[in-house]
């Protein structure tokens, strides 16, 4: 008699106050690096800065490499390996690159509401609509603690583009989609395919994020993670 009563109380609570918990999944190129990857020192600084931000905010970050000791780095494999690390108490994954500024608390609340807080929510949602690429001087100032990525006046290196990468997905939706397609090497394109699989196997993301919601991406030089051959093969 005790067990059914306990289940009933738990079910009632979950309807009124879901106990969601987000684990940030960050693919990382360490400790395996190609000797010709000149971008690694800058990426390492970006990564250290980002992890400091996680610690200051009290957020849970799970980092994984792709498990390969040679050959091109695979972001897809690294994401799938990172997804194996969080315990069952984590209900959602936020796939998040090591060169991105963390979302604000308001942005986290918004994407969680869109992913799981509405009756029509499919269990996943993009975090932002567009990407703003910060210049090298702006990134250097951020890494030295002089600026926040969202400070007005920081110079942008590129025009604003779409932002297909950072995605919040429930653990259940991630498992149903099969995760990232590990045939991809380097990075570029695997995020678009992952969203397509979510749309087909889980359902379309409803509603979309604010069209002005922006991801701020730190600068780093191009490295050996994505050659023209890898890009062509991925496409």
Protein backbone atom coordinates (compact mmCIF):
# COMPACT_ATOMS: atom_id res chain seq x y z
CA UNK A 1 0.00 0.00 0.00
CA UNK A 2 2.91 2.34 0.69
CA UNK A 3 4.49 2.09 -2.77
CA UNK A 4 1.41 3.17 -4.82
CA UNK A 5 0.83 6.12 -2.50
CA UNK A 6 4.44 7.25 -2.96
CA UNK A 7 4.14 7.00 -6.72
CA UNK A 8 0.95 9.06 -6.71
CA UNK A 9 2.54 11.91 -4.79
CA UNK A 10 5.60 11.92 -7.07
CA UNK A 11 3.45 12.04 -10.21
CA UNK A 12 1.40 14.95 -8.89
CA UNK A 13 4.54 16.92 -8.07
CA UNK A 14 6.10 16.33 -11.51
CA UNK A 15 3.07 17.91 -13.21
CA UNK A 16 3.29 21.13 -11.22
CA UNK A 17 7.03 21.51 -10.72
CA UNK A 18 9.16 19.36 -13.06
CA UNK A 19 12.60 18.69 -11.66
CA UNK A 20 14.68 19.45 -14.75
CA UNK A 21 18.46 19.44 -14.58
CA UNK A 22 20.74 20.43 -17.45
CA UNK A 23 24.17 18.95 -18.18
CA UNK A 24 26.35 20.94 -20.58
CA UNK A 25 28.16 18.66 -23.05
CA UNK A 26 31.39 20.14 -24.41
CA UNK A 27 33.48 18.30 -27.03
CA UNK A 28 37.16 19.02 -26.54
CA UNK A 29 40.31 18.24 -28.51
CA UNK A 30 42.48 17.19 -25.55
CA UNK A 31 44.64 15.30 -24.92
CA UNK A 32 44.86 14.26 -28.58
CA UNK A 33 46.03 17.04 -30.88
CA UNK A 34 47.57 17.13 -34.30
CA UNK A 35 51.10 18.55 -34.33
CA UNK A 36 50.13 21.04 -37.04
CA UNK A 37 47.12 22.41 -35.16
CA UNK A 38 48.22 25.99 -34.55
CA UNK A 39 44.80 26.84 -33.15
CA UNK A 40 45.25 24.68 -30.05
CA UNK A 41 46.87 27.28 -27.71
CA UNK A 42 44.05 29.74 -28.37
CA UNK A 43 41.40 27.04 -28.05
CA UNK A 44 42.96 25.96 -24.76
CA UNK A 45 42.69 29.50 -23.42
CA UNK A 46 39.09 29.74 -24.62
CA UNK A 47 38.32 26.43 -22.97
CA UNK A 48 39.91 27.41 -19.64
CA UNK A 49 37.96 30.69 -19.65
CA UNK A 50 34.70 28.88 -20.39
CA UNK A 51 35.23 26.36 -17.59
CA UNK A 52 35.81 29.24 -15.17
CA UNK A 53 32.44 30.64 -16.20
CA UNK A 54 30.79 27.29 -15.54
CA UNK A 55 32.36 27.16 -12.07
CA UNK A 56 31.28 30.72 -11.22
CA UNK A 57 27.69 30.00 -12.28
CA UNK A 58 27.54 26.63 -10.53
CA UNK A 59 26.63 24.84 -13.78
CA UNK A 60 27.38 21.21 -14.56
CA UNK A 61 29.79 20.73 -17.47
CA UNK A 62 30.79 17.35 -18.88
CA UNK A 63 33.76 17.38 -21.24
CA UNK A 64 34.86 14.59 -23.56
CA UNK A 65 37.33 14.02 -26.37
CA UNK A 66 36.56 11.68 -29.24
CA UNK A 67 38.68 8.78 -27.95
CA UNK A 68 41.00 8.71 -30.98
CA UNK A 69 44.76 8.93 -30.56
CA UNK A 70 45.39 9.83 -34.21
CA UNK A 71 43.61 11.19 -37.25
CA UNK A 72 41.10 14.05 -37.46
CA UNK A 73 39.18 15.03 -34.35
CA UNK A 74 35.49 14.12 -34.46
CA UNK A 75 33.12 16.50 -32.69
CA UNK A 76 30.30 14.00 -33.26
CA UNK A 77 32.08 11.20 -31.39
CA UNK A 78 33.12 13.59 -28.62
CA UNK A 79 29.52 14.73 -28.05
CA UNK A 80 28.27 11.14 -27.91
CA UNK A 81 31.00 10.23 -25.41
CA UNK A 82 30.19 13.27 -23.28
CA UNK A 83 26.52 12.23 -23.22
CA UNK A 84 27.55 8.99 -21.48
CA UNK A 85 29.05 10.84 -18.49
CA UNK A 86 26.13 12.59 -16.67
CA UNK A 87 24.16 10.56 -14.15
CA UNK A 88 20.48 9.74 -14.54
CA UNK A 89 19.54 12.77 -12.45
CA UNK A 90 20.32 14.97 -15.48
CA UNK A 91 17.18 15.26 -17.57
CA UNK A 92 18.52 17.46 -20.38
CA UNK A 93 21.73 17.92 -22.35
CA UNK A 94 22.90 21.25 -23.74
CA UNK A 95 25.42 20.63 -26.52
CA UNK A 96 27.81 23.52 -26.27
CA UNK A 97 31.15 24.32 -27.94
CA UNK A 98 34.27 25.35 -26.04
CA UNK A 99 34.39 28.67 -27.89
CA UNK A 100 30.90 29.91 -26.95
CA UNK A 101 29.88 32.38 -24.27
CA UNK A 102 27.50 30.81 -21.77
CA UNK A 103 23.79 31.55 -22.10
CA UNK A 104 22.27 33.88 -19.54
CA UNK A 105 19.90 32.56 -16.90
CA UNK A 106 17.00 34.06 -18.86
CA UNK A 107 18.16 32.30 -22.05
CA UNK A 108 18.45 28.99 -20.18
CA UNK A 109 14.94 29.37 -18.78
CA UNK A 110 13.59 30.26 -22.22
CA UNK A 111 15.13 27.31 -24.07
CA UNK A 112 14.12 24.86 -21.33
CA UNK A 113 10.54 26.18 -21.54
CA UNK A 114 10.53 25.78 -25.33
CA UNK A 115 12.04 22.29 -25.16
CA UNK A 116 9.92 20.78 -22.38
CA UNK A 117 7.65 23.35 -20.75
CA UNK A 118 4.87 23.50 -23.32
CA UNK A 119 2.24 20.85 -24.16
CA UNK A 120 3.50 20.73 -27.75
CA UNK A 121 7.20 20.69 -26.82
CA UNK A 122 9.06 17.82 -28.53
CA UNK A 123 11.89 17.64 -25.97
CA UNK A 124 14.49 19.71 -27.82
CA UNK A 125 15.07 23.29 -28.94
CA UNK A 126 17.84 25.46 -30.45
CA UNK A 127 19.30 27.91 -27.94
CA UNK A 128 19.87 30.88 -30.27
CA UNK A 129 18.90 31.98 -33.78
CA UNK A 130 22.15 33.60 -34.89
CA UNK A 131 25.88 33.72 -34.17
CA UNK A 132 28.05 36.76 -33.57
CA UNK A 133 31.76 36.05 -34.12
CA UNK A 134 34.02 38.16 -31.92
CA UNK A 135 37.33 39.44 -33.28
CA UNK A 136 40.75 38.43 -31.99
CA UNK A 137 41.30 41.69 -30.00
CA UNK A 138 37.84 41.36 -28.48
CA UNK A 139 38.49 37.72 -27.55
CA UNK A 140 41.87 38.59 -26.03
CA UNK A 141 40.21 41.23 -23.84
CA UNK A 142 37.60 38.69 -22.70
CA UNK A 143 40.21 36.05 -21.86
CA UNK A 144 42.12 38.61 -19.80
CA UNK A 145 38.97 39.41 -17.82
CA UNK A 146 38.58 42.93 -19.17
CA UNK A 147 35.24 42.41 -20.87
CA UNK A 148 32.16 40.22 -21.05
CA UNK A 149 31.33 38.80 -24.50
CA UNK A 150 28.09 40.78 -24.46
CA UNK A 151 29.71 44.16 -23.79
CA UNK A 152 28.58 46.71 -26.34
CA UNK A 153 31.33 47.98 -28.60
CA UNK A 154 33.28 44.72 -28.85
CA UNK A 155 34.41 44.23 -32.43
CA UNK A 156 32.90 41.45 -34.52
CA UNK A 157 35.12 39.49 -36.91
CA UNK A 158 32.40 38.28 -39.27
CA UNK A 159 28.87 38.99 -40.31
CA UNK A 160 26.09 37.47 -38.25
CA UNK A 161 25.16 33.94 -39.34
CA UNK A 162 22.65 31.27 -38.40
CA UNK A 163 23.38 29.33 -35.20
CA UNK A 164 22.67 25.60 -35.70
CA UNK A 165 25.06 24.20 -33.08
CA UNK A 166 24.03 24.86 -29.44
CA UNK A 167 20.96 22.72 -28.79
CA UNK A 168 19.07 21.77 -25.64
CA UNK A 169 17.72 18.23 -25.84
CA UNK A 170 16.12 15.95 -23.28
CA UNK A 171 17.98 12.75 -22.52
CA UNK A 172 15.05 10.79 -23.91
CA UNK A 173 15.01 12.75 -27.19
CA UNK A 174 18.79 12.41 -27.52
CA UNK A 175 18.54 8.64 -27.14
CA UNK A 176 15.64 8.41 -29.60
CA UNK A 177 17.60 10.36 -32.20
CA UNK A 178 20.66 8.13 -31.85
CA UNK A 179 22.89 11.08 -30.95
CA UNK A 180 25.37 12.51 -33.41
CA UNK A 181 26.32 10.76 -36.64
CA UNK A 182 29.88 9.58 -36.01
CA UNK A 183 30.74 9.38 -39.70
CA UNK A 184 31.49 13.11 -39.50
CA UNK A 185 35.09 14.16 -38.93
CA UNK A 186 36.36 17.52 -37.72
CA UNK A 187 33.32 19.70 -37.20
CA UNK A 188 30.90 21.30 -39.57
CA UNK A 189 27.61 19.82 -40.74
CA UNK A 190 27.13 17.30 -37.94
CA UNK A 191 24.93 19.77 -36.03
CA UNK A 192 22.62 20.25 -39.04
CA UNK A 193 22.21 16.48 -39.45
CA UNK A 194 21.56 16.08 -35.72
CA UNK A 195 18.73 18.63 -35.89
CA UNK A 196 17.32 16.90 -38.96
CA UNK A 197 17.29 13.59 -37.08
CA UNK A 198 15.56 15.23 -34.13
CA UNK A 199 12.92 16.75 -36.40
CA UNK A 200 12.29 13.43 -38.14
CA UNK A 201 12.44 11.04 -35.17
CA UNK A 202 11.25 13.26 -32.29
CA UNK A 203 9.35 16.17 -33.84
CA UNK A 204 9.97 19.76 -34.98
CA UNK A 205 11.16 22.35 -32.49
CA UNK A 206 8.17 24.50 -31.46
CA UNK A 207 8.34 27.45 -31.06
CA UNK A 208 11.62 28.83 -32.50
CA UNK A 209 13.87 31.13 -30.47
CA UNK A 210 13.73 34.89 -30.73
CA UNK A 211 15.19 35.78 -34.17
CA UNK A 212 17.47 38.33 -32.46
CA UNK A 213 18.78 35.88 -29.84
CA UNK A 214 22.54 35.65 -30.42
CA UNK A 215 25.33 33.24 -29.57
CA UNK A 216 28.66 34.96 -28.98
CA UNK A 217 31.57 32.93 -30.32
CA UNK A 218 35.18 33.61 -29.37
CA UNK A 219 37.87 33.97 -32.01
CA UNK A 220 40.50 31.31 -32.70
CA UNK A 221 42.74 30.59 -35.68
CA UNK A 222 41.87 27.84 -38.10
CA UNK A 223 43.60 24.56 -37.26
CA UNK A 224 43.98 21.06 -38.63
CA UNK A 225 40.57 19.96 -37.35
CA UNK A 226 38.89 20.67 -40.67
CA UNK A 227 40.74 20.38 -43.98
CA UNK A 228 39.12 20.97 -47.39
CA UNK A 229 39.03 17.19 -47.83
CA UNK A 230 37.18 16.67 -44.54
CA UNK A 231 34.75 19.48 -45.37
CA UNK A 232 33.99 17.97 -48.78
CA UNK A 233 33.48 14.51 -47.29
CA UNK A 234 31.20 15.83 -44.56
CA UNK A 235 29.08 17.70 -47.09
